Protein backbone atom coordinates (compact mmCIF):
# COMPACT_ATOMS: atom_id res chain seq x y z
CA MET A 1 9.67 -39.96 34.37
CA LEU A 2 12.89 -38.94 36.42
CA ARG A 3 11.10 -40.98 39.24
CA LEU A 4 10.63 -43.72 36.96
CA LEU A 5 14.33 -43.67 35.44
CA ALA A 6 15.46 -43.85 38.90
CA LEU A 7 13.17 -46.76 39.49
CA LEU A 8 13.48 -49.00 36.16
CA LEU A 9 17.61 -48.49 35.80
CA PRO A 10 18.33 -50.51 39.35
CA LEU A 11 16.76 -53.36 37.85
CA LEU A 12 19.52 -53.45 35.02
CA GLN A 13 22.27 -53.75 37.94
CA PRO A 14 23.36 -56.85 40.12
CA PRO A 15 20.58 -57.91 42.14
CA ALA A 16 22.55 -57.04 45.20
CA ARG A 17 22.00 -53.28 44.13
CA ALA A 18 18.55 -52.92 42.81
CA GLN A 19 16.11 -51.71 44.39
CA GLU A 20 12.34 -52.37 44.64
CA PRO A 21 10.20 -50.23 42.76
CA SER A 22 6.95 -49.75 43.54
CA ALA A 23 4.29 -51.18 41.54
CA GLN A 24 2.73 -47.51 40.60
CA ASP A 25 6.01 -46.45 39.10
CA VAL A 26 7.04 -49.97 37.69
CA SER A 27 3.50 -49.90 35.80
CA LEU A 28 4.33 -46.53 33.83
CA GLY A 29 7.61 -48.21 32.17
CA VAL A 30 5.40 -51.37 31.41
CA ASP A 31 3.29 -49.39 29.67
CA TRP A 32 5.58 -47.78 27.38
CA LEU A 33 7.52 -50.87 26.90
CA THR A 34 4.19 -52.94 26.18
CA ARG A 35 2.54 -50.19 23.81
CA TYR A 36 6.02 -50.34 21.61
CA GLY A 37 6.44 -54.30 21.93
CA TYR A 38 9.12 -54.71 23.90
CA LEU A 39 6.67 -56.66 26.37
CA PRO A 40 4.05 -58.84 25.73
CA PRO A 41 0.72 -57.84 27.24
CA PRO A 42 0.12 -58.64 31.01
CA HIS A 43 -1.51 -62.34 31.27
CA PRO A 44 -4.75 -61.74 32.75
CA ALA A 45 -4.35 -64.43 35.33
CA GLN A 46 -0.92 -63.37 36.56
CA ALA A 47 -1.15 -61.44 39.92
CA GLN A 48 1.80 -58.93 38.84
CA LEU A 49 2.12 -56.66 35.81
CA GLN A 50 5.82 -58.12 34.37
CA SER A 51 8.59 -59.83 36.23
CA PRO A 52 11.93 -57.89 37.03
CA ALA A 53 13.60 -60.17 34.62
CA LYS A 54 11.15 -59.44 31.70
CA LEU A 55 11.20 -55.92 32.52
CA ARG A 56 15.08 -55.82 32.63
CA ASP A 57 15.37 -57.84 29.18
CA ALA A 58 12.89 -55.46 27.58
CA ILE A 59 14.70 -52.08 28.87
CA LYS A 60 17.88 -53.72 27.41
CA VAL A 61 16.50 -54.63 23.80
CA MET A 62 15.01 -50.79 23.92
CA GLN A 63 18.17 -49.91 24.44
CA ARG A 64 19.99 -51.57 22.04
CA PHE A 65 17.22 -50.76 19.33
CA ALA A 66 18.05 -46.92 20.34
CA GLY A 67 21.51 -47.38 20.24
CA LEU A 68 21.67 -46.20 23.53
CA GLN A 69 24.09 -47.22 25.92
CA GLU A 70 22.67 -50.08 29.05
CA THR A 71 21.95 -47.85 31.60
CA ASP A 72 22.46 -44.63 29.82
CA LEU A 73 20.34 -41.97 31.35
CA GLU A 74 19.27 -41.04 27.84
CA THR A 75 16.98 -43.46 27.96
CA VAL A 76 14.41 -41.50 29.66
CA ALA A 77 14.81 -39.03 27.38
CA MET A 78 14.20 -41.22 24.41
CA MET A 79 11.18 -42.33 25.74
CA HIS A 80 9.77 -38.70 26.15
CA LYS A 81 10.48 -38.14 22.31
CA PRO A 82 8.17 -37.51 19.98
CA ARG A 83 7.79 -40.88 18.05
CA CYS A 84 5.33 -43.08 15.28
CA SER A 85 2.41 -45.01 17.09
CA LEU A 86 3.30 -48.54 15.83
CA PRO A 87 5.41 -50.68 17.83
CA ASP A 88 8.76 -51.05 17.58
CA VAL A 89 9.22 -55.07 17.70
CA LEU A 90 7.09 -57.20 15.04
CA GLY A 91 6.74 -61.18 16.23
CA ALA A 92 8.23 -62.83 19.22
CA ALA A 93 11.85 -62.98 17.50
CA GLY A 94 12.47 -59.47 17.88
CA LEU A 95 14.37 -56.54 15.43
CA VAL A 96 17.11 -56.60 17.66
CA ARG A 97 17.68 -60.28 16.60
CA ARG A 98 17.55 -59.80 12.94
CA ARG A 99 21.27 -59.24 10.94
CA ARG A 100 19.05 -56.89 8.64
CA ARG A 101 18.15 -53.50 10.59
CA TYR A 102 14.75 -52.85 8.18
CA ALA A 103 11.99 -55.01 9.49
CA LEU A 104 9.32 -56.07 7.16
CA SER A 105 5.14 -56.35 8.44
CA GLY A 106 4.78 -59.43 6.18
CA SER A 107 2.03 -58.11 4.35
CA VAL A 108 2.36 -56.39 0.69
CA TRP A 109 0.74 -54.62 -2.34
CA LYS A 110 -0.18 -57.33 -4.43
CA LYS A 111 -0.38 -54.10 -7.51
CA ARG A 112 1.88 -51.97 -8.32
CA THR A 113 -0.03 -48.51 -8.84
CA LEU A 114 -1.63 -47.33 -5.29
CA THR A 115 -4.06 -44.17 -5.01
CA TRP A 116 -4.43 -41.86 -2.43
CA ARG A 117 -6.33 -38.63 -0.92
CA VAL A 118 -5.94 -36.37 1.57
CA ASN A 119 -9.53 -36.81 3.29
CA SER A 120 -9.21 -34.19 6.08
CA PHE A 121 -6.30 -31.39 6.21
CA PRO A 122 -4.81 -30.27 9.57
CA GLN A 123 -6.49 -27.30 10.97
CA GLY A 124 -4.18 -25.74 13.10
CA SER A 125 -1.82 -25.51 10.59
CA ALA A 126 0.17 -22.57 8.75
CA LEU A 127 0.13 -24.71 5.65
CA SER A 128 -2.36 -24.45 2.97
CA GLN A 129 -4.00 -27.43 1.71
CA GLU A 130 -1.85 -26.96 -1.72
CA THR A 131 1.05 -28.01 0.27
CA VAL A 132 0.04 -30.52 2.22
CA ARG A 133 -1.07 -32.47 -0.61
CA THR A 134 2.12 -31.49 -2.29
CA LEU A 135 4.08 -32.38 0.38
CA MET A 136 2.43 -35.91 0.48
CA HIS A 137 3.02 -36.64 -3.22
CA HIS A 138 6.75 -36.02 -3.18
CA ALA A 139 6.61 -38.03 0.75
CA LEU A 140 5.46 -41.09 -1.47
CA THR A 141 7.01 -40.29 -4.80
CA THR A 142 10.49 -41.07 -2.25
CA TRP A 143 9.56 -44.38 -2.26
CA GLY A 144 8.08 -44.74 -5.73
CA THR A 145 11.50 -43.66 -6.98
CA GLU A 146 13.61 -46.19 -5.66
CA SER A 147 10.93 -49.15 -6.24
CA ASP A 148 8.59 -50.66 -9.17
CA LEU A 149 5.47 -48.67 -7.59
CA ARG A 150 3.46 -45.67 -8.74
CA PHE A 151 1.01 -43.35 -6.81
CA GLN A 152 -1.72 -41.98 -8.20
CA GLU A 153 -3.95 -38.98 -6.48
CA VAL A 154 -7.63 -39.11 -7.10
CA GLY A 155 -10.69 -37.15 -6.24
CA LEU A 156 -13.72 -37.28 -4.30
CA GLN A 157 -15.64 -38.91 -7.40
CA GLY A 158 -13.40 -41.99 -7.98
CA PRO A 159 -15.54 -45.33 -8.12
CA THR A 160 -13.49 -46.65 -5.20
CA GLU A 161 -11.91 -45.53 -1.71
CA PRO A 162 -8.17 -45.06 -2.52
CA ASP A 163 -5.47 -47.42 -1.40
CA ILE A 164 -3.63 -44.42 0.85
CA LEU A 165 -6.40 -42.15 2.58
CA ILE A 166 -4.90 -39.72 4.71
CA ASP A 167 -6.83 -38.03 7.49
CA PHE A 168 -5.50 -35.37 10.16
CA ALA A 169 -7.47 -36.72 13.66
CA ARG A 170 -7.39 -36.08 17.15
CA ALA A 171 -7.54 -38.39 20.37
CA TYR A 172 -9.61 -41.61 20.21
CA HIS A 173 -10.56 -41.81 16.20
CA GLN A 174 -12.22 -45.00 15.26
CA ASP A 175 -9.17 -47.09 15.32
CA SER A 176 -6.57 -48.66 17.99
CA TYR A 177 -4.31 -46.11 17.87
CA PRO A 178 -5.90 -42.54 19.73
CA PHE A 179 -3.84 -39.74 19.62
CA ASP A 180 -2.48 -38.60 22.96
CA GLY A 181 -2.29 -33.93 22.48
CA GLN A 182 0.91 -32.13 21.35
CA GLY A 183 4.37 -34.30 21.38
CA GLY A 184 4.06 -38.42 22.13
CA THR A 185 2.89 -40.67 19.35
CA LEU A 186 3.12 -37.94 16.20
CA ALA A 187 1.19 -40.20 13.52
CA HIS A 188 0.24 -43.96 12.37
CA ALA A 189 -0.09 -45.90 9.01
CA PHE A 190 -1.71 -49.35 8.73
CA PHE A 191 0.05 -51.86 6.86
CA PRO A 192 -0.74 -53.44 3.06
CA GLY A 193 -3.59 -56.01 3.08
CA GLU A 194 -7.37 -55.92 1.89
CA HIS A 195 -9.03 -54.46 5.21
CA PRO A 196 -10.81 -51.15 4.39
CA ILE A 197 -8.08 -49.30 6.61
CA SER A 198 -5.27 -51.06 5.44
CA GLY A 199 -2.66 -48.41 4.10
CA ASP A 200 -4.37 -45.93 5.75
CA THR A 201 -2.16 -42.68 7.41
CA HIS A 202 -3.43 -40.94 9.82
CA PHE A 203 -1.60 -38.15 11.64
CA ASP A 204 -2.26 -36.25 15.14
CA ASP A 205 -4.44 -32.89 14.68
CA GLU A 206 -3.41 -31.28 17.60
CA GLU A 207 0.76 -31.27 16.72
CA THR A 208 2.12 -28.18 14.87
CA TRP A 209 2.76 -29.29 11.48
CA THR A 210 5.49 -27.38 9.76
CA PHE A 211 7.85 -27.74 6.65
CA GLY A 212 11.51 -27.25 6.74
CA SER A 213 11.25 -24.87 9.91
CA LYS A 214 14.73 -23.60 10.66
CA ASP A 215 14.17 -22.79 14.39
CA GLY A 216 13.06 -26.01 15.55
CA GLU A 217 9.16 -24.69 16.12
CA GLY A 218 6.96 -27.48 15.02
CA THR A 219 6.75 -31.00 13.34
CA ASP A 220 8.19 -31.36 10.02
CA LEU A 221 5.13 -33.02 8.29
CA PHE A 222 7.28 -34.14 5.04
CA ALA A 223 9.88 -36.40 7.38
CA VAL A 224 6.81 -37.82 9.56
CA ALA A 225 4.67 -38.58 6.24
CA VAL A 226 7.72 -39.98 4.41
CA HIS A 227 8.11 -42.59 7.68
CA GLU A 228 4.31 -43.32 7.76
CA PHE A 229 4.01 -44.20 4.17
CA GLY A 230 6.71 -46.40 4.48
CA HIS A 231 4.69 -48.71 7.05
CA ALA A 232 1.53 -48.14 3.95
CA LEU A 233 3.74 -50.25 1.88
CA GLY A 234 4.86 -52.78 4.45
CA LEU A 235 7.98 -51.79 6.35
CA GLY A 236 8.21 -51.91 10.14
CA HIS A 237 10.46 -49.85 12.58
CA SER A 238 14.22 -49.77 11.56
CA SER A 239 17.13 -49.07 14.11
CA ALA A 240 19.81 -48.03 11.35
CA PRO A 241 20.90 -44.51 12.58
CA ASP A 242 20.34 -43.32 8.87
CA SER A 243 16.84 -45.25 8.34
CA ILE A 244 14.08 -43.01 8.08
CA MET A 245 12.22 -45.25 9.63
CA ARG A 246 13.16 -45.31 12.92
CA PRO A 247 10.22 -45.02 15.69
CA PHE A 248 11.48 -41.78 16.70
CA TYR A 249 10.90 -37.93 15.06
CA GLN A 250 14.12 -37.03 14.04
CA GLY A 251 13.57 -33.20 12.73
CA PRO A 252 13.69 -31.89 8.94
CA VAL A 253 14.76 -33.91 6.47
CA GLY A 254 15.62 -30.78 3.91
CA ASN A 255 14.37 -30.32 0.68
CA PRO A 256 11.73 -33.15 -0.23
CA ALA A 257 13.12 -32.97 -4.40
CA GLU A 258 16.66 -33.82 -3.21
CA TYR A 259 15.90 -36.39 -0.19
CA ARG A 260 16.68 -39.87 -0.88
CA LEU A 261 16.15 -43.48 1.27
CA SER A 262 18.81 -44.52 2.98
CA GLN A 263 20.30 -48.07 2.00
CA ASP A 264 18.76 -49.79 4.47
CA ASP A 265 15.38 -47.99 3.36
CA ARG A 266 16.22 -48.97 0.15
CA ASP A 267 16.95 -52.71 0.72
CA GLY A 268 13.88 -52.91 2.61
CA LEU A 269 11.41 -51.40 0.32
CA GLN A 270 13.13 -53.33 -2.70
CA GLN A 271 12.77 -56.56 -0.78
CA LEU A 272 9.06 -55.89 -0.96
CA TYR A 273 8.25 -54.47 -4.66
CA GLY A 274 11.82 -54.76 -6.47
CA ARG A 275 13.97 -52.24 -7.70
CA ALA A 276 12.75 -49.30 -9.95
CA PRO A 277 12.18 -50.15 -13.55
CA GLN A 278 14.64 -49.12 -16.60
CA THR A 279 12.58 -48.43 -18.61
CA PRO A 280 9.18 -45.62 -18.90
CA TYR A 281 5.90 -46.67 -17.47
CA ASP A 282 2.79 -46.84 -19.90
CA LYS A 283 0.41 -43.76 -19.34
CA PRO A 284 -1.59 -44.51 -16.33
CA THR A 285 -4.96 -46.21 -16.94
CA ARG A 286 -6.67 -43.42 -15.16
CA LYS A 287 -6.81 -39.79 -15.10
CA PRO A 288 -4.53 -37.73 -12.29
CA LEU A 289 -6.18 -35.58 -9.81
CA ALA A 290 -3.34 -32.93 -10.83
CA PRO A 291 -0.60 -32.51 -12.82
CA PRO A 292 2.75 -33.82 -10.39
CA PRO A 293 3.46 -30.41 -8.53
CA PRO A 294 6.95 -29.00 -7.93
CA PRO A 295 8.22 -29.04 -3.96
CA PRO A 296 7.51 -26.28 -1.89
CA ALA A 297 10.38 -24.04 -1.38
CA LEU A 298 12.34 -24.20 2.22
CA PRO A 299 11.93 -21.42 4.68
CA PRO A 300 15.04 -18.85 4.08
CA ASP A 301 17.98 -18.86 6.12
């Protein structure tokens, strides 16, 4: 990737200073920029992958979205950071042209009570199944607290599949976003809709999933789950520095019972579902799988 940086960044400089990169090296950068929406997929009838002008513009957009200085060496480090599988740019207008930072996918749940279930659990994690379920509960509650949404865990014997089905999977797993092993892409979720996979949320089972790790080891499951459930509710990626919907992994976010969404995230969520009601809800029509669990304790300092 360092060689890629040396060859891609001259494209941002005036033509007299630019160096001609090889097709192989440019294709590495084009793959990343295309995967996350900064470049359109190459047209099969075109002889070259992308024009230098399009590549130059795409790098600039990526740098602005990530809050980097143009031609900054942090660009390549950002491309290396673990992140969500979904693209950053939704539609031709691009995210950086929005006045607001949050992005809406254009899809929304038509109901306000959503069901969920953990269908499979991480195989290589020290987290117990109960802890995983508890973290998912609190990650969803983070969004429900700020909106007119409720979340209800259901068991295997339910009459229908849950709205949000949670799985830990490896490599290719029957969708369009195969995982790539440890590091790289961490998870993805599907936007609301009528398709059977709508709302489903997948985590890469080759990651070392942890909670509240003090030594920086592993990937914090609660933080990633909050991000992915934002997608499952219809939010795209945000360029706001304090947003949980930034595409890049930012580390643990602390105690689930105390964590609150940023203003940018609340604005996007409430644009879709409205504010939290001022009066208590009626009793749920379906019995919950279990009482709401308390958040797991953070590891001692």
